[in-house]
mmCIF file of all heavy atoms, coordinates in Angstrom:
data_MODEL
# 
_entry.id   MODEL 
# 
loop_
_atom_site.group_PDB 
_atom_site.id 
_atom_site.type_symbol 
_atom_site.label_atom_id 
_atom_site.label_alt_id 
_atom_site.label_comp_id 
_atom_site.label_asym_id 
_atom_site.label_entity_id 
_atom_site.label_seq_id 
_atom_site.pdbx_PDB_ins_code 
_atom_site.Cartn_x 
_atom_site.Cartn_y 
_atom_site.Cartn_z 
_atom_site.occupancy 
_atom_site.B_iso_or_equiv 
_atom_site.pdbx_formal_charge 
_atom_site.auth_seq_id 
_atom_site.auth_comp_id 
_atom_site.auth_asym_id 
_atom_site.auth_atom_id 
_atom_site.pdbx_PDB_model_num 
ATOM 1   N N   . ALA A 1 1  ? 7.236  -32.694 38.528 1.00 0.00 ? 1  ALA A N   1 
ATOM 2   C CA  . ALA A 1 1  ? 7.322  -31.449 39.297 1.00 0.00 ? 1  ALA A CA  1 
ATOM 3   C C   . ALA A 1 1  ? 7.733  -31.751 40.733 1.00 0.00 ? 1  ALA A C   1 
ATOM 4   O O   . ALA A 1 1  ? 7.299  -32.719 41.333 1.00 0.00 ? 1  ALA A O   1 
ATOM 5   C CB  . ALA A 1 1  ? 5.992  -30.737 39.282 1.00 0.00 ? 1  ALA A CB  1 
ATOM 6   N N   . LEU A 1 2  ? 8.603  -30.894 41.277 1.00 0.00 ? 2  LEU A N   1 
ATOM 7   C CA  . LEU A 1 2  ? 9.026  -31.042 42.671 1.00 0.00 ? 2  LEU A CA  1 
ATOM 8   C C   . LEU A 1 2  ? 7.995  -30.409 43.572 1.00 0.00 ? 2  LEU A C   1 
ATOM 9   O O   . LEU A 1 2  ? 7.257  -29.476 43.194 1.00 0.00 ? 2  LEU A O   1 
ATOM 10  C CB  . LEU A 1 2  ? 10.372 -30.369 42.865 1.00 0.00 ? 2  LEU A CB  1 
ATOM 11  C CG  . LEU A 1 2  ? 11.556 -30.950 42.078 1.00 0.00 ? 2  LEU A CG  1 
ATOM 12  C CD1 . LEU A 1 2  ? 12.798 -30.102 42.303 1.00 0.00 ? 2  LEU A CD1 1 
ATOM 13  C CD2 . LEU A 1 2  ? 11.807 -32.395 42.452 1.00 0.00 ? 2  LEU A CD2 1 
ATOM 14  N N   . GLU A 1 3  ? 7.926  -30.880 44.792 1.00 0.00 ? 3  GLU A N   1 
ATOM 15  C CA  . GLU A 1 3  ? 7.032  -30.284 45.783 1.00 0.00 ? 3  GLU A CA  1 
ATOM 16  C C   . GLU A 1 3  ? 7.486  -28.829 46.048 1.00 0.00 ? 3  GLU A C   1 
ATOM 17  O O   . GLU A 1 3  ? 8.630  -28.484 45.863 1.00 0.00 ? 3  GLU A O   1 
ATOM 18  C CB  . GLU A 1 3  ? 7.024  -31.112 47.070 1.00 0.00 ? 3  GLU A CB  1 
ATOM 19  C CG  . GLU A 1 3  ? 6.422  -32.484 46.872 1.00 0.00 ? 3  GLU A CG  1 
ATOM 20  C CD  . GLU A 1 3  ? 6.281  -33.260 48.165 1.00 0.00 ? 3  GLU A CD  1 
ATOM 21  O OE1 . GLU A 1 3  ? 6.540  -32.691 49.237 1.00 0.00 ? 3  GLU A OE1 1 
ATOM 22  O OE2 . GLU A 1 3  ? 5.887  -34.433 48.126 1.00 0.00 ? 3  GLU A OE2 1 
ATOM 23  N N   . GLN A 1 4  ? 6.559  -28.023 46.524 1.00 0.00 ? 4  GLN A N   1 
ATOM 24  C CA  . GLN A 1 4  ? 6.769  -26.598 46.640 1.00 0.00 ? 4  GLN A CA  1 
ATOM 25  C C   . GLN A 1 4  ? 7.983  -26.261 47.493 1.00 0.00 ? 4  GLN A C   1 
ATOM 26  O O   . GLN A 1 4  ? 8.699  -25.304 47.201 1.00 0.00 ? 4  GLN A O   1 
ATOM 27  C CB  . GLN A 1 4  ? 5.512  -25.924 47.206 1.00 0.00 ? 4  GLN A CB  1 
ATOM 28  C CG  . GLN A 1 4  ? 5.597  -24.407 47.242 1.00 0.00 ? 4  GLN A CG  1 
ATOM 29  C CD  . GLN A 1 4  ? 4.334  -23.788 47.759 1.00 0.00 ? 4  GLN A CD  1 
ATOM 30  O OE1 . GLN A 1 4  ? 3.340  -24.482 47.998 1.00 0.00 ? 4  GLN A OE1 1 
ATOM 31  N NE2 . GLN A 1 4  ? 4.341  -22.476 47.935 1.00 0.00 ? 4  GLN A NE2 1 
ATOM 32  N N   . TRP A 1 5  ? 8.244  -26.997 48.540 1.00 0.00 ? 5  TRP A N   1 
ATOM 33  C CA  . TRP A 1 5  ? 9.326  -26.687 49.477 1.00 0.00 ? 5  TRP A CA  1 
ATOM 34  C C   . TRP A 1 5  ? 10.699 -27.145 48.991 1.00 0.00 ? 5  TRP A C   1 
ATOM 35  O O   . TRP A 1 5  ? 11.714 -26.791 49.561 1.00 0.00 ? 5  TRP A O   1 
ATOM 36  C CB  . TRP A 1 5  ? 9.050  -27.267 50.837 1.00 0.00 ? 5  TRP A CB  1 
ATOM 37  C CG  . TRP A 1 5  ? 8.902  -28.792 50.859 1.00 0.00 ? 5  TRP A CG  1 
ATOM 38  C CD1 . TRP A 1 5  ? 7.749  -29.475 50.711 1.00 0.00 ? 5  TRP A CD1 1 
ATOM 39  C CD2 . TRP A 1 5  ? 9.939  -29.741 50.997 1.00 0.00 ? 5  TRP A CD2 1 
ATOM 40  N NE1 . TRP A 1 5  ? 7.996  -30.829 50.770 1.00 0.00 ? 5  TRP A NE1 1 
ATOM 41  C CE2 . TRP A 1 5  ? 9.316  -31.014 50.931 1.00 0.00 ? 5  TRP A CE2 1 
ATOM 42  C CE3 . TRP A 1 5  ? 11.322 -29.679 51.160 1.00 0.00 ? 5  TRP A CE3 1 
ATOM 43  C CZ2 . TRP A 1 5  ? 10.061 -32.216 51.021 1.00 0.00 ? 5  TRP A CZ2 1 
ATOM 44  C CZ3 . TRP A 1 5  ? 12.048 -30.853 51.237 1.00 0.00 ? 5  TRP A CZ3 1 
ATOM 45  C CH2 . TRP A 1 5  ? 11.422 -32.104 51.174 1.00 0.00 ? 5  TRP A CH2 1 
ATOM 46  N N   . VAL A 1 6  ? 10.720 -27.961 47.904 1.00 0.00 ? 6  VAL A N   1 
ATOM 47  C CA  . VAL A 1 6  ? 11.958 -28.556 47.461 1.00 0.00 ? 6  VAL A CA  1 
ATOM 48  C C   . VAL A 1 6  ? 12.778 -27.590 46.573 1.00 0.00 ? 6  VAL A C   1 
ATOM 49  O O   . VAL A 1 6  ? 12.239 -27.068 45.599 1.00 0.00 ? 6  VAL A O   1 
ATOM 50  C CB  . VAL A 1 6  ? 11.693 -29.846 46.658 1.00 0.00 ? 6  VAL A CB  1 
ATOM 51  C CG1 . VAL A 1 6  ? 13.012 -30.467 46.169 1.00 0.00 ? 6  VAL A CG1 1 
ATOM 52  C CG2 . VAL A 1 6  ? 10.950 -30.862 47.532 1.00 0.00 ? 6  VAL A CG2 1 
ATOM 53  N N   . PRO A 1 7  ? 14.039 -27.329 46.919 1.00 0.00 ? 7  PRO A N   1 
ATOM 54  C CA  . PRO A 1 7  ? 14.851 -26.436 46.071 1.00 0.00 ? 7  PRO A CA  1 
ATOM 55  C C   . PRO A 1 7  ? 15.073 -27.020 44.699 1.00 0.00 ? 7  PRO A C   1 
ATOM 56  O O   . PRO A 1 7  ? 15.210 -28.248 44.537 1.00 0.00 ? 7  PRO A O   1 
ATOM 57  C CB  . PRO A 1 7  ? 16.196 -26.363 46.821 1.00 0.00 ? 7  PRO A CB  1 
ATOM 58  C CG  . PRO A 1 7  ? 15.884 -26.824 48.231 1.00 0.00 ? 7  PRO A CG  1 
ATOM 59  C CD  . PRO A 1 7  ? 14.770 -27.803 48.096 1.00 0.00 ? 7  PRO A CD  1 
ATOM 60  N N   . ALA A 1 8  ? 15.112 -26.185 43.686 1.00 0.00 ? 8  ALA A N   1 
ATOM 61  C CA  . ALA A 1 8  ? 15.361 -26.632 42.326 1.00 0.00 ? 8  ALA A CA  1 
ATOM 62  C C   . ALA A 1 8  ? 16.703 -27.311 42.217 1.00 0.00 ? 8  ALA A C   1 
ATOM 63  O O   . ALA A 1 8  ? 17.688 -26.880 42.811 1.00 0.00 ? 8  ALA A O   1 
ATOM 64  C CB  . ALA A 1 8  ? 15.301 -25.440 41.375 1.00 0.00 ? 8  ALA A CB  1 
ATOM 65  N N   . GLY A 1 9  ? 16.745 -28.417 41.476 1.00 0.00 ? 9  GLY A N   1 
ATOM 66  C CA  . GLY A 1 9  ? 18.014 -29.113 41.251 1.00 0.00 ? 9  GLY A CA  1 
ATOM 67  C C   . GLY A 1 9  ? 18.450 -30.007 42.404 1.00 0.00 ? 9  GLY A C   1 
ATOM 68  O O   . GLY A 1 9  ? 19.570 -30.515 42.413 1.00 0.00 ? 9  GLY A O   1 
ATOM 69  N N   . ARG A 1 10 ? 17.613 -30.217 43.377 1.00 0.00 ? 10 ARG A N   1 
ATOM 70  C CA  . ARG A 1 10 ? 17.956 -31.010 44.554 1.00 0.00 ? 10 ARG A CA  1 
ATOM 71  C C   . ARG A 1 10 ? 18.278 -32.452 44.129 1.00 0.00 ? 10 ARG A C   1 
ATOM 72  O O   . ARG A 1 10 ? 17.519 -33.069 43.399 1.00 0.00 ? 10 ARG A O   1 
ATOM 73  C CB  . ARG A 1 10 ? 16.817 -31.003 45.545 1.00 0.00 ? 10 ARG A CB  1 
ATOM 74  C CG  . ARG A 1 10 ? 17.102 -31.605 46.932 1.00 0.00 ? 10 ARG A CG  1 
ATOM 75  C CD  . ARG A 1 10 ? 15.904 -31.351 47.820 1.00 0.00 ? 10 ARG A CD  1 
ATOM 76  N NE  . ARG A 1 10 ? 16.188 -31.716 49.190 1.00 0.00 ? 10 ARG A NE  1 
ATOM 77  C CZ  . ARG A 1 10 ? 15.454 -32.582 49.874 1.00 0.00 ? 10 ARG A CZ  1 
ATOM 78  N NH1 . ARG A 1 10 ? 14.410 -33.174 49.306 1.00 0.00 ? 10 ARG A NH1 1 
ATOM 79  N NH2 . ARG A 1 10 ? 15.743 -32.852 51.137 1.00 0.00 ? 10 ARG A NH2 1 
ATOM 80  N N   . ARG A 1 11 ? 19.388 -33.006 44.619 1.00 0.00 ? 11 ARG A N   1 
ATOM 81  C CA  . ARG A 1 11 ? 19.842 -34.325 44.190 1.00 0.00 ? 11 ARG A CA  1 
ATOM 82  C C   . ARG A 1 11 ? 20.060 -35.240 45.385 1.00 0.00 ? 11 ARG A C   1 
ATOM 83  O O   . ARG A 1 11 ? 20.518 -34.804 46.450 1.00 0.00 ? 11 ARG A O   1 
ATOM 84  C CB  . ARG A 1 11 ? 21.156 -34.184 43.412 1.00 0.00 ? 11 ARG A CB  1 
ATOM 85  C CG  . ARG A 1 11 ? 21.099 -33.141 42.290 1.00 0.00 ? 11 ARG A CG  1 
ATOM 86  C CD  . ARG A 1 11 ? 22.449 -32.946 41.648 1.00 0.00 ? 11 ARG A CD  1 
ATOM 87  N NE  . ARG A 1 11 ? 23.464 -32.582 42.632 1.00 0.00 ? 11 ARG A NE  1 
ATOM 88  C CZ  . ARG A 1 11 ? 24.753 -32.441 42.334 1.00 0.00 ? 11 ARG A CZ  1 
ATOM 89  N NH1 . ARG A 1 11 ? 25.159 -32.657 41.103 1.00 0.00 ? 11 ARG A NH1 1 
ATOM 90  N NH2 . ARG A 1 11 ? 25.627 -32.105 43.272 1.00 0.00 ? 11 ARG A NH2 1 
ATOM 91  N N   . LEU A 1 12 ? 19.799 -36.487 45.188 1.00 0.00 ? 12 LEU A N   1 
ATOM 92  C CA  . LEU A 1 12 ? 20.048 -37.515 46.214 1.00 0.00 ? 12 LEU A CA  1 
ATOM 93  C C   . LEU A 1 12 ? 21.273 -38.314 45.777 1.00 0.00 ? 12 LEU A C   1 
ATOM 94  O O   . LEU A 1 12 ? 21.268 -38.922 44.715 1.00 0.00 ? 12 LEU A O   1 
ATOM 95  C CB  . LEU A 1 12 ? 18.839 -38.437 46.336 1.00 0.00 ? 12 LEU A CB  1 
ATOM 96  C CG  . LEU A 1 12 ? 18.977 -39.619 47.309 1.00 0.00 ? 12 LEU A CG  1 
ATOM 97  C CD1 . LEU A 1 12 ? 19.219 -39.153 48.727 1.00 0.00 ? 12 LEU A CD1 1 
ATOM 98  C CD2 . LEU A 1 12 ? 17.743 -40.512 47.241 1.00 0.00 ? 12 LEU A CD2 1 
ATOM 99  N N   . VAL A 1 13 ? 22.318 -38.291 46.562 1.00 0.00 ? 13 VAL A N   1 
ATOM 100 C CA  . VAL A 1 13 ? 23.576 -38.965 46.242 1.00 0.00 ? 13 VAL A CA  1 
ATOM 101 C C   . VAL A 1 13 ? 23.758 -40.137 47.179 1.00 0.00 ? 13 VAL A C   1 
ATOM 102 O O   . VAL A 1 13 ? 23.917 -39.954 48.395 1.00 0.00 ? 13 VAL A O   1 
ATOM 103 C CB  . VAL A 1 13 ? 24.784 -38.003 46.328 1.00 0.00 ? 13 VAL A CB  1 
ATOM 104 C CG1 . VAL A 1 13 ? 26.044 -38.713 45.883 1.00 0.00 ? 13 VAL A CG1 1 
ATOM 105 C CG2 . VAL A 1 13 ? 24.514 -36.739 45.513 1.00 0.00 ? 13 VAL A CG2 1 
ATOM 106 N N   . LEU A 1 14 ? 23.744 -41.342 46.657 1.00 0.00 ? 14 LEU A N   1 
ATOM 107 C CA  . LEU A 1 14 ? 23.825 -42.579 47.456 1.00 0.00 ? 14 LEU A CA  1 
ATOM 108 C C   . LEU A 1 14 ? 25.063 -43.346 47.050 1.00 0.00 ? 14 LEU A C   1 
ATOM 109 O O   . LEU A 1 14 ? 25.284 -43.624 45.860 1.00 0.00 ? 14 LEU A O   1 
ATOM 110 C CB  . LEU A 1 14 ? 22.592 -43.436 47.231 1.00 0.00 ? 14 LEU A CB  1 
ATOM 111 C CG  . LEU A 1 14 ? 21.239 -42.796 47.522 1.00 0.00 ? 14 LEU A CG  1 
ATOM 112 C CD1 . LEU A 1 14 ? 20.107 -43.746 47.128 1.00 0.00 ? 14 LEU A CD1 1 
ATOM 113 C CD2 . LEU A 1 14 ? 21.125 -42.383 48.983 1.00 0.00 ? 14 LEU A CD2 1 
ATOM 114 N N   . VAL A 1 15 ? 25.903 -43.740 48.041 1.00 0.00 ? 15 VAL A N   1 
ATOM 115 C CA  . VAL A 1 15 ? 27.155 -44.411 47.708 1.00 0.00 ? 15 VAL A CA  1 
ATOM 116 C C   . VAL A 1 15 ? 27.291 -45.661 48.576 1.00 0.00 ? 15 VAL A C   1 
ATOM 117 O O   . VAL A 1 15 ? 27.214 -45.588 49.797 1.00 0.00 ? 15 VAL A O   1 
ATOM 118 C CB  . VAL A 1 15 ? 28.380 -43.508 47.964 1.00 0.00 ? 15 VAL A CB  1 
ATOM 119 C CG1 . VAL A 1 15 ? 29.638 -44.176 47.449 1.00 0.00 ? 15 VAL A CG1 1 
ATOM 120 C CG2 . VAL A 1 15 ? 28.172 -42.137 47.305 1.00 0.00 ? 15 VAL A CG2 1 
ATOM 121 N N   . ASP A 1 16 ? 27.586 -46.784 47.917 1.00 0.00 ? 16 ASP A N   1 
ATOM 122 C CA  . ASP A 1 16 ? 27.951 -48.033 48.611 1.00 0.00 ? 16 ASP A CA  1 
ATOM 123 C C   . ASP A 1 16 ? 29.451 -48.036 48.758 1.00 0.00 ? 16 ASP A C   1 
ATOM 124 O O   . ASP A 1 16 ? 30.172 -48.187 47.766 1.00 0.00 ? 16 ASP A O   1 
ATOM 125 C CB  . ASP A 1 16 ? 27.488 -49.225 47.793 1.00 0.00 ? 16 ASP A CB  1 
ATOM 126 C CG  . ASP A 1 16 ? 27.811 -50.555 48.434 1.00 0.00 ? 16 ASP A CG  1 
ATOM 127 O OD1 . ASP A 1 16 ? 28.739 -50.615 49.273 1.00 0.00 ? 16 ASP A OD1 1 
ATOM 128 O OD2 . ASP A 1 16 ? 27.173 -51.573 48.081 1.00 0.00 ? 16 ASP A OD2 1 
ATOM 129 N N   . VAL A 1 17 ? 29.947 -47.796 49.958 1.00 0.00 ? 17 VAL A N   1 
ATOM 130 C CA  . VAL A 1 17 ? 31.374 -47.634 50.172 1.00 0.00 ? 17 VAL A CA  1 
ATOM 131 C C   . VAL A 1 17 ? 32.145 -48.873 49.757 1.00 0.00 ? 17 VAL A C   1 
ATOM 132 O O   . VAL A 1 17 ? 33.205 -48.803 49.115 1.00 0.00 ? 17 VAL A O   1 
ATOM 133 C CB  . VAL A 1 17 ? 31.673 -47.298 51.637 1.00 0.00 ? 17 VAL A CB  1 
ATOM 134 C CG1 . VAL A 1 17 ? 33.166 -47.045 51.841 1.00 0.00 ? 17 VAL A CG1 1 
ATOM 135 C CG2 . VAL A 1 17 ? 30.883 -46.094 52.100 1.00 0.00 ? 17 VAL A CG2 1 
ATOM 136 N N   . GLU A 1 18 ? 31.649 -50.041 50.109 1.00 0.00 ? 18 GLU A N   1 
ATOM 137 C CA  . GLU A 1 18 ? 32.355 -51.291 49.824 1.00 0.00 ? 18 GLU A CA  1 
ATOM 138 C C   . GLU A 1 18 ? 32.451 -51.557 48.324 1.00 0.00 ? 18 GLU A C   1 
ATOM 139 O O   . GLU A 1 18 ? 33.466 -52.034 47.829 1.00 0.00 ? 18 GLU A O   1 
ATOM 140 C CB  . GLU A 1 18 ? 31.673 -52.441 50.556 1.00 0.00 ? 18 GLU A CB  1 
ATOM 141 C CG  . GLU A 1 18 ? 31.820 -52.318 52.065 1.00 0.00 ? 18 GLU A CG  1 
ATOM 142 C CD  . GLU A 1 18 ? 30.741 -53.051 52.839 1.00 0.00 ? 18 GLU A CD  1 
ATOM 143 O OE1 . GLU A 1 18 ? 29.702 -53.408 52.239 1.00 0.00 ? 18 GLU A OE1 1 
ATOM 144 O OE2 . GLU A 1 18 ? 30.926 -53.255 54.045 1.00 0.00 ? 18 GLU A OE2 1 
ATOM 145 N N   . ASN A 1 19 ? 31.405 -51.207 47.596 1.00 0.00 ? 19 ASN A N   1 
ATOM 146 C CA  . ASN A 1 19 ? 31.434 -51.355 46.157 1.00 0.00 ? 19 ASN A CA  1 
ATOM 147 C C   . ASN A 1 19 ? 32.452 -50.379 45.541 1.00 0.00 ? 19 ASN A C   1 
ATOM 148 O O   . ASN A 1 19 ? 33.166 -50.721 44.600 1.00 0.00 ? 19 ASN A O   1 
ATOM 149 C CB  . ASN A 1 19 ? 30.048 -51.097 45.561 1.00 0.00 ? 19 ASN A CB  1 
ATOM 150 C CG  . ASN A 1 19 ? 29.990 -51.383 44.068 1.00 0.00 ? 19 ASN A CG  1 
ATOM 151 O OD1 . ASN A 1 19 ? 30.279 -50.502 43.267 1.00 0.00 ? 19 ASN A OD1 1 
ATOM 152 N ND2 . ASN A 1 19 ? 29.603 -52.563 43.705 1.00 0.00 ? 19 ASN A ND2 1 
ATOM 153 N N   . LEU A 1 20 ? 32.542 -49.201 46.125 1.00 0.00 ? 20 LEU A N   1 
ATOM 154 C CA  . LEU A 1 20 ? 33.434 -48.170 45.606 1.00 0.00 ? 20 LEU A CA  1 
ATOM 155 C C   . LEU A 1 20 ? 34.903 -48.558 45.783 1.00 0.00 ? 20 LEU A C   1 
ATOM 156 O O   . LEU A 1 20 ? 35.727 -48.321 44.885 1.00 0.00 ? 20 LEU A O   1 
ATOM 157 C CB  . LEU A 1 20 ? 33.145 -46.841 46.306 1.00 0.00 ? 20 LEU A CB  1 
ATOM 158 C CG  . LEU A 1 20 ? 33.977 -45.625 45.885 1.00 0.00 ? 20 LEU A CG  1 
ATOM 159 C CD1 . LEU A 1 20 ? 33.679 -45.248 44.444 1.00 0.00 ? 20 LEU A CD1 1 
ATOM 160 C CD2 . LEU A 1 20 ? 33.694 -44.461 46.812 1.00 0.00 ? 20 LEU A CD2 1 
ATOM 161 N N   . VAL A 1 21 ? 35.251 -49.138 46.941 1.00 0.00 ? 21 VAL A N   1 
ATOM 162 C CA  . VAL A 1 21 ? 36.649 -49.388 47.247 1.00 0.00 ? 21 VAL A CA  1 
ATOM 163 C C   . VAL A 1 21 ? 37.042 -50.869 47.105 1.00 0.00 ? 21 VAL A C   1 
ATOM 164 O O   . VAL A 1 21 ? 38.213 -51.223 47.328 1.00 0.00 ? 21 VAL A O   1 
ATOM 165 C CB  . VAL A 1 21 ? 37.002 -48.908 48.653 1.00 0.00 ? 21 VAL A CB  1 
ATOM 166 C CG1 . VAL A 1 21 ? 36.752 -47.417 48.775 1.00 0.00 ? 21 VAL A CG1 1 
ATOM 167 C CG2 . VAL A 1 21 ? 36.276 -49.693 49.735 1.00 0.00 ? 21 VAL A CG2 1 
ATOM 168 N N   . GLY A 1 22 ? 36.109 -51.713 46.721 1.00 0.00 ? 22 GLY A N   1 
ATOM 169 C CA  . GLY A 1 22 ? 36.444 -53.104 46.407 1.00 0.00 ? 22 GLY A CA  1 
ATOM 170 C C   . GLY A 1 22 ? 36.448 -54.072 47.558 1.00 0.00 ? 22 GLY A C   1 
ATOM 171 O O   . GLY A 1 22 ? 37.118 -55.099 47.485 1.00 0.00 ? 22 GLY A O   1 
ATOM 172 N N   . GLY A 1 23 ? 35.725 -53.786 48.621 1.00 0.00 ? 23 GLY A N   1 
ATOM 173 C CA  . GLY A 1 23 ? 35.641 -54.739 49.713 1.00 0.00 ? 23 GLY A CA  1 
ATOM 174 C C   . GLY A 1 23 ? 35.428 -54.075 51.050 1.00 0.00 ? 23 GLY A C   1 
ATOM 175 O O   . GLY A 1 23 ? 35.454 -52.853 51.178 1.00 0.00 ? 23 GLY A O   1 
ATOM 176 N N   . SER A 1 24 ? 35.237 -54.903 52.083 1.00 0.00 ? 24 SER A N   1 
ATOM 177 C CA  . SER A 1 24 ? 34.915 -54.390 53.415 1.00 0.00 ? 24 SER A CA  1 
ATOM 178 C C   . SER A 1 24 ? 36.131 -54.250 54.314 1.00 0.00 ? 24 SER A C   1 
ATOM 179 O O   . SER A 1 24 ? 36.017 -53.754 55.434 1.00 0.00 ? 24 SER A O   1 
ATOM 180 C CB  . SER A 1 24 ? 33.895 -55.322 54.094 1.00 0.00 ? 24 SER A CB  1 
ATOM 181 O OG  . SER A 1 24 ? 34.469 -56.616 54.245 1.00 0.00 ? 24 SER A OG  1 
ATOM 182 N N   . SER A 1 25 ? 37.320 -54.628 53.818 1.00 0.00 ? 25 SER A N   1 
ATOM 183 C CA  . SER A 1 25 ? 38.495 -54.564 54.657 1.00 0.00 ? 25 SER A CA  1 
ATOM 184 C C   . SER A 1 25 ? 39.430 -53.413 54.311 1.00 0.00 ? 25 SER A C   1 
ATOM 185 O O   . SER A 1 25 ? 40.564 -53.381 54.728 1.00 0.00 ? 25 SER A O   1 
ATOM 186 C CB  . SER A 1 25 ? 39.269 -55.879 54.587 1.00 0.00 ? 25 SER A CB  1 
ATOM 187 O OG  . SER A 1 25 ? 39.674 -56.136 53.247 1.00 0.00 ? 25 SER A OG  1 
# 
């Protein structure tokens, strides 16, 4: 169950940019 103040369906989206694009350069 979500806490009372949390909207239904709330999602946390986390992205590692370097992993996504294949490097730091």
